[in-house]
Amino acid sequence: MFGMCSSSTVYSSEYDADTATWSSGDSIDYDMETVDDLAVARDADGNTMTAYSGGNGWGYQELRSAYRPNGGGWQTPTPVQSSEEPFST
């Protein structure tokens, strides 16, 4: 699993070792003005979680997370925290 962001959209892609190819990018979130820090984790059962921060275009920073159960699609991103100041990393 690989997470990436392009300006204001967060994508995920998976590598298939059998075919040595990456899947096309699935959009996770596209509702942010900018996306900065991004982290992706997968547990032993294949469930995936991502967390990322960015600006919403109105002077606020948001920290959001999204979850994808093994074999399922990405659920709607959840705001975790918002602030008028940038988050420290």
C-alpha atoms as a PDB file:
ATOM      1  CA  MET A   1       0.000   0.000   0.000  1.00  0.00           C
ATOM      2  CA  PHE A   2       1.269   3.398  -0.877  1.00  0.00           C
ATOM      3  CA  GLY A   3      -0.281   6.737  -0.080  1.00  0.00           C
ATOM      4  CA  MET A   4       0.430   9.938  -1.939  1.00  0.00           C
ATOM      5  CA  CYS A   5      -0.990  13.372  -2.328  1.00  0.00           C
ATOM      6  CA  SER A   6      -1.146  15.627  -5.334  1.00  0.00           C
ATOM      7  CA  SER A   7      -1.859  19.234  -4.408  1.00  0.00           C
ATOM      8  CA  SER A   8      -5.216  18.704  -2.734  1.00  0.00           C
ATOM      9  CA  THR A   9      -6.116  15.062  -3.416  1.00  0.00           C
ATOM     10  CA  VAL A  10      -5.039  12.023  -1.379  1.00  0.00           C
ATOM     11  CA  TYR A  11      -4.633   8.763  -3.341  1.00  0.00           C
ATOM     12  CA  SER A  12      -3.751   5.168  -2.514  1.00  0.00           C
ATOM     13  CA  SER A  13      -2.245   2.500  -4.716  1.00  0.00           C
ATOM     14  CA  GLU A  14      -1.308  -1.145  -4.114  1.00  0.00           C
ATOM     15  CA  TYR A  15       1.620  -3.115  -5.454  1.00  0.00           C
ATOM     16  CA  ASP A  16       0.947  -6.630  -6.762  1.00  0.00           C
ATOM     17  CA  ALA A  17       4.155  -8.648  -6.371  1.00  0.00           C
ATOM     18  CA  ASP A  18       2.841 -11.426  -8.649  1.00  0.00           C
ATOM     19  CA  THR A  19       2.437  -9.089 -11.623  1.00  0.00           C
ATOM     20  CA  ALA A  20       5.014  -6.475 -10.530  1.00  0.00           C
ATOM     21  CA  THR A  21       2.475  -3.692 -11.156  1.00  0.00           C
ATOM     22  CA  TRP A  22       0.830  -0.897  -9.178  1.00  0.00           C
ATOM     23  CA  SER A  23      -2.935  -0.459  -9.132  1.00  0.00           C
ATOM     24  CA  SER A  24      -4.437   2.755 -10.433  1.00  0.00           C
ATOM     25  CA  GLY A  25      -4.718   5.436  -7.772  1.00  0.00           C
ATOM     26  CA  ASP A  26      -7.906   5.427  -5.671  1.00  0.00           C
ATOM     27  CA  SER A  27      -8.953   8.853  -4.452  1.00  0.00           C
ATOM     28  CA  ILE A  28      -9.328   8.908  -0.670  1.00  0.00           C
ATOM     29  CA  ASP A  29      -9.970  12.614  -0.103  1.00  0.00           C
ATOM     30  CA  TYR A  30     -10.214  15.597  -2.438  1.00  0.00           C
ATOM     31  CA  ASP A  31     -11.774  18.207  -0.157  1.00  0.00           C
ATOM     32  CA  MET A  32      -8.631  19.974   1.098  1.00  0.00           C
ATOM     33  CA  GLU A  33      -6.869  23.002  -0.331  1.00  0.00           C
ATOM     34  CA  THR A  34      -3.436  21.513   0.434  1.00  0.00           C
ATOM     35  CA  VAL A  35      -2.233  18.194   1.848  1.00  0.00           C
ATOM     36  CA  ASP A  36       1.002  18.068   3.811  1.00  0.00           C
ATOM     37  CA  ASP A  37       1.968  15.158   6.044  1.00  0.00           C
ATOM     38  CA  LEU A  38       0.735  11.689   5.125  1.00  0.00           C
ATOM     39  CA  ALA A  39       1.125   8.359   6.915  1.00  0.00           C
ATOM     40  CA  VAL A  40      -0.241   4.926   5.946  1.00  0.00           C
ATOM     41  CA  ALA A  41      -0.384   1.743   8.044  1.00  0.00           C
ATOM     42  CA  ARG A  42      -1.769  -1.750   7.491  1.00  0.00           C
ATOM     43  CA  ASP A  43      -2.399  -4.340  10.191  1.00  0.00           C
ATOM     44  CA  ALA A  44      -1.868  -8.105   9.999  1.00  0.00           C
ATOM     45  CA  ASP A  45      -5.492  -8.593   8.862  1.00  0.00           C
ATOM     46  CA  GLY A  46      -5.049  -6.270   5.854  1.00  0.00           C
ATOM     47  CA  ASN A  47      -7.048  -3.329   7.226  1.00  0.00           C
ATOM     48  CA  THR A  48      -5.530   0.016   6.227  1.00  0.00           C
ATOM     49  CA  MET A  49      -5.550   3.402   7.972  1.00  0.00           C
ATOM     50  CA  THR A  50      -4.181   6.703   6.737  1.00  0.00           C
ATOM     51  CA  ALA A  51      -3.759  10.020   8.504  1.00  0.00           C
ATOM     52  CA  TYR A  52      -2.827  13.328   6.908  1.00  0.00           C
ATOM     53  CA  SER A  53      -2.962  17.042   7.551  1.00  0.00           C
ATOM     54  CA  GLY A  54      -3.493  20.052   5.370  1.00  0.00           C
ATOM     55  CA  GLY A  55      -5.247  23.337   4.873  1.00  0.00           C
ATOM     56  CA  ASN A  56      -8.902  23.704   4.089  1.00  0.00           C
ATOM     57  CA  GLY A  57      -8.571  27.012   2.240  1.00  0.00           C
ATOM     58  CA  TRP A  58     -10.167  29.134   4.972  1.00  0.00           C
ATOM     59  CA  GLY A  59      -7.066  29.550   7.123  1.00  0.00           C
ATOM     60  CA  TYR A  60      -7.593  26.379   9.151  1.00  0.00           C
ATOM     61  CA  GLN A  61      -5.402  23.295   9.352  1.00  0.00           C
ATOM     62  CA  GLU A  62      -7.117  19.910   9.624  1.00  0.00           C
ATOM     63  CA  LEU A  63      -5.906  16.487  10.642  1.00  0.00           C
ATOM     64  CA  ARG A  64      -7.988  13.744   9.011  1.00  0.00           C
ATOM     65  CA  SER A  65      -7.970   9.967   8.928  1.00  0.00           C
ATOM     66  CA  ALA A  66      -9.521   7.382   6.617  1.00  0.00           C
ATOM     67  CA  TYR A  67     -10.006   3.630   7.035  1.00  0.00           C
ATOM     68  CA  ARG A  68     -10.260   0.802   4.524  1.00  0.00           C
ATOM     69  CA  PRO A  69     -11.233  -2.670   5.724  1.00  0.00           C
ATOM     70  CA  ASN A  70      -9.510  -5.591   4.039  1.00  0.00           C
ATOM     71  CA  GLY A  71     -11.283  -6.267   0.737  1.00  0.00           C
ATOM     72  CA  GLY A  72     -13.414  -3.128   0.998  1.00  0.00           C
ATOM     73  CA  GLY A  73     -13.289   0.454  -0.164  1.00  0.00           C
ATOM     74  CA  TRP A  74     -12.088   3.583   1.575  1.00  0.00           C
ATOM     75  CA  GLN A  75     -14.557   4.999   4.063  1.00  0.00           C
ATOM     76  CA  THR A  76     -15.320   8.711   4.228  1.00  0.00           C
ATOM     77  CA  PRO A  77     -12.411  10.612   5.802  1.00  0.00           C
ATOM     78  CA  THR A  78     -12.951  11.712   9.394  1.00  0.00           C
ATOM     79  CA  PRO A  79     -11.747  15.057  10.764  1.00  0.00           C
ATOM     80  CA  VAL A  80      -9.638  14.365  13.849  1.00  0.00           C
ATOM     81  CA  GLN A  81      -8.562  17.882  14.776  1.00  0.00           C
ATOM     82  CA  SER A  82      -8.635  21.401  13.363  1.00  0.00           C
ATOM     83  CA  SER A  83      -6.681  24.488  14.251  1.00  0.00           C
ATOM     84  CA  GLU A  84      -5.979  28.015  13.074  1.00  0.00           C
ATOM     85  CA  GLU A  85      -2.255  27.235  13.540  1.00  0.00           C
ATOM     86  CA  PRO A  86      -0.214  24.683  11.575  1.00  0.00           C
ATOM     87  CA  PHE A  87       0.262  21.334  13.309  1.00  0.00           C
ATOM     88  CA  SER A  88       3.753  20.516  14.526  1.00  0.00           C
ATOM     89  CA  THR A  89       5.262  17.270  13.258  1.00  0.00           C
END
